[in-house]
Protein backbone atom coordinates (compact mmCIF):
# COMPACT_ATOMS: atom_id res chain seq x y z
CA MET A 1 -9.51 7.22 -13.43
CA LYS A 2 -7.45 9.14 -10.87
CA LEU A 3 -9.05 7.14 -8.05
CA PHE A 4 -8.25 3.91 -9.89
CA VAL A 5 -4.58 4.89 -10.33
CA PHE A 6 -4.42 6.00 -6.69
CA LEU A 7 -5.78 2.68 -5.47
CA LEU A 8 -3.27 0.78 -7.57
CA LEU A 9 -0.45 2.94 -6.26
CA CYS A 10 -1.48 2.20 -2.69
CA SER A 11 -1.83 -1.52 -3.30
CA GLY A 12 1.68 -1.91 -4.68
CA VAL A 13 0.39 -4.05 -7.55
CA PHE A 14 2.97 -2.85 -10.03
CA ALA A 15 6.65 -1.98 -10.04
CA PHE A 16 6.84 1.23 -12.05
CA SER A 17 5.86 4.76 -11.19
CA ILE A 18 3.38 6.80 -13.18
CA GLU A 19 4.10 10.43 -13.96
CA SER A 20 1.32 12.94 -14.57
CA SER A 21 3.46 15.73 -16.03
CA TYR A 22 4.91 15.33 -19.51
CA GLU A 23 7.73 17.78 -18.78
CA ALA A 24 8.73 16.00 -15.56
CA ALA A 25 8.53 12.59 -17.25
CA HIS A 26 10.63 13.74 -20.19
CA LYS A 27 13.26 15.18 -17.86
CA LYS A 28 13.33 11.95 -15.84
CA ALA A 29 13.63 9.86 -19.03
CA LEU A 30 16.58 11.99 -20.16
CA GLN A 31 18.31 11.68 -16.79
CA GLU A 32 17.78 7.92 -16.61
CA GLU A 33 18.42 7.38 -20.35
CA LYS A 34 15.10 5.60 -20.78
CA LEU A 35 12.27 5.60 -23.29
CA LEU A 36 9.26 7.76 -22.61
CA VAL A 37 5.99 5.83 -22.78
CA VAL A 38 3.04 8.20 -23.12
CA PHE A 39 -0.48 6.95 -22.40
CA LEU A 40 -2.69 9.56 -24.10
CA THR A 41 -6.35 9.42 -23.15
CA LYS A 42 -9.32 11.64 -22.57
CA LYS A 43 -11.29 12.06 -19.38
CA GLY A 44 -14.24 9.79 -18.74
CA LEU A 45 -13.14 7.02 -21.10
CA SER A 46 -13.75 3.67 -19.39
CA ARG A 47 -11.91 1.80 -22.16
CA ALA A 48 -8.77 3.71 -21.17
CA SER A 49 -9.12 2.53 -17.57
CA ARG A 50 -9.34 -1.09 -18.73
CA ARG A 51 -6.26 -0.71 -20.96
CA LEU A 52 -4.30 0.91 -18.18
CA GLN A 53 -5.34 -1.82 -15.78
CA MET A 54 -4.09 -4.45 -18.25
CA LEU A 55 -0.70 -2.74 -18.32
CA LEU A 56 -0.51 -2.45 -14.58
CA GLU A 57 -1.58 -6.00 -13.82
CA SER A 58 0.86 -7.73 -16.17
CA LYS A 59 4.04 -8.42 -14.21
CA GLU A 60 6.02 -8.89 -17.43
CA ILE A 61 4.91 -5.52 -18.83
CA SER A 62 5.26 -3.77 -15.48
CA ASP A 63 8.82 -5.06 -15.05
CA ALA A 64 9.76 -4.06 -18.62
CA ILE A 65 8.39 -0.54 -18.15
CA GLU A 66 10.25 -0.16 -14.85
CA LYS A 67 13.51 -1.25 -16.47
CA GLU A 68 13.29 0.45 -19.86
CA ALA A 69 10.96 3.46 -19.66
CA VAL A 70 9.33 6.33 -17.85
CA PHE A 71 5.53 6.10 -18.01
CA VAL A 72 3.33 9.19 -18.16
CA ILE A 73 -0.43 9.65 -18.47
CA ILE A 74 -1.51 12.66 -20.52
CA TYR A 75 -5.11 13.75 -21.03
CA LYS A 76 -6.40 15.22 -24.28
CA ASP A 77 -6.60 19.01 -23.98
CA GLN A 78 -4.30 19.01 -20.97
CA ARG A 79 -2.93 22.52 -20.54
CA GLU A 80 0.64 21.36 -20.21
CA SER A 81 2.64 21.18 -23.42
CA TYR A 82 3.64 17.93 -25.09
CA PRO A 83 4.85 17.05 -28.62
CA ILE A 84 2.56 18.40 -31.32
CA GLU A 85 2.38 15.02 -33.06
CA LEU A 86 0.33 13.74 -30.12
CA LEU A 87 -2.29 16.44 -30.77
CA TYR A 88 -3.28 14.74 -34.04
CA THR A 89 -4.47 11.62 -32.26
CA GLN A 90 -8.08 10.72 -32.99
CA GLU A 91 -8.28 7.39 -31.14
CA TYR A 92 -8.10 7.03 -27.39
CA PRO A 93 -6.35 5.64 -25.55
CA THR A 94 -3.13 5.64 -27.55
CA LEU A 95 0.26 4.51 -26.30
CA PHE A 96 3.33 6.29 -27.72
CA PHE A 97 7.00 5.34 -27.40
CA LEU A 98 9.41 8.28 -27.60
CA ASN A 99 13.20 8.42 -27.43
CA ASN A 100 15.26 11.17 -25.78
CA GLU A 101 14.80 13.42 -28.82
CA GLU A 102 11.01 12.95 -28.57
CA LEU A 103 10.95 10.91 -31.77
CA PHE A 104 8.76 7.84 -32.16
CA THR A 105 10.64 4.58 -31.65
CA CYS A 106 7.71 2.26 -32.43
CA GLU A 107 4.32 2.46 -34.02
CA ALA A 108 1.76 3.92 -31.63
CA GLN A 109 -0.70 1.45 -30.16
CA ARG A 110 -4.24 2.65 -30.45
CA ARG A 111 -7.29 1.39 -28.53
CA ASP A 112 -6.32 -2.27 -28.19
CA ILE A 113 -2.85 -2.58 -26.76
CA ASP A 114 -0.90 -5.60 -28.00
CA LYS A 115 1.19 -6.96 -25.12
CA LYS A 116 3.72 -8.65 -27.41
CA ALA A 117 4.27 -5.52 -29.52
CA LEU A 118 4.51 -3.38 -26.40
CA LEU A 119 7.22 -5.64 -24.95
CA GLU A 120 9.11 -5.61 -28.27
CA CYS A 121 9.04 -1.80 -28.32
CA LEU A 122 10.34 -1.60 -24.78
CA LYS A 123 13.15 -4.06 -25.41
CA ALA A 124 14.12 -2.71 -28.85
CA GLU A 125 15.83 0.42 -27.56
């Protein structure tokens, strides 16, 4: 997964940056007054790589994330702290949308990410 993300970063396929630290992403979202989009996954999950690729390859989604949000990838059991509500997740990958107070702004998207719903969540704020 890290190699995949690295290759996409080098290729310039998408417009937004991907954070790997929840704390850094939250701080950046506060500073830029943006949503925080959290992609929660677990290591070794190929389905997560496919979902992430779908997000990265869609110009419409990529542009919306760049404009409206800070994107962070968090792995289950990551040592770094993140909101406790995310710990209750049983399905991976799951995409969460959090405001500056770390409250959910939209329903989490689990496993199959709906492009239309994702765009609506990004543009609703």
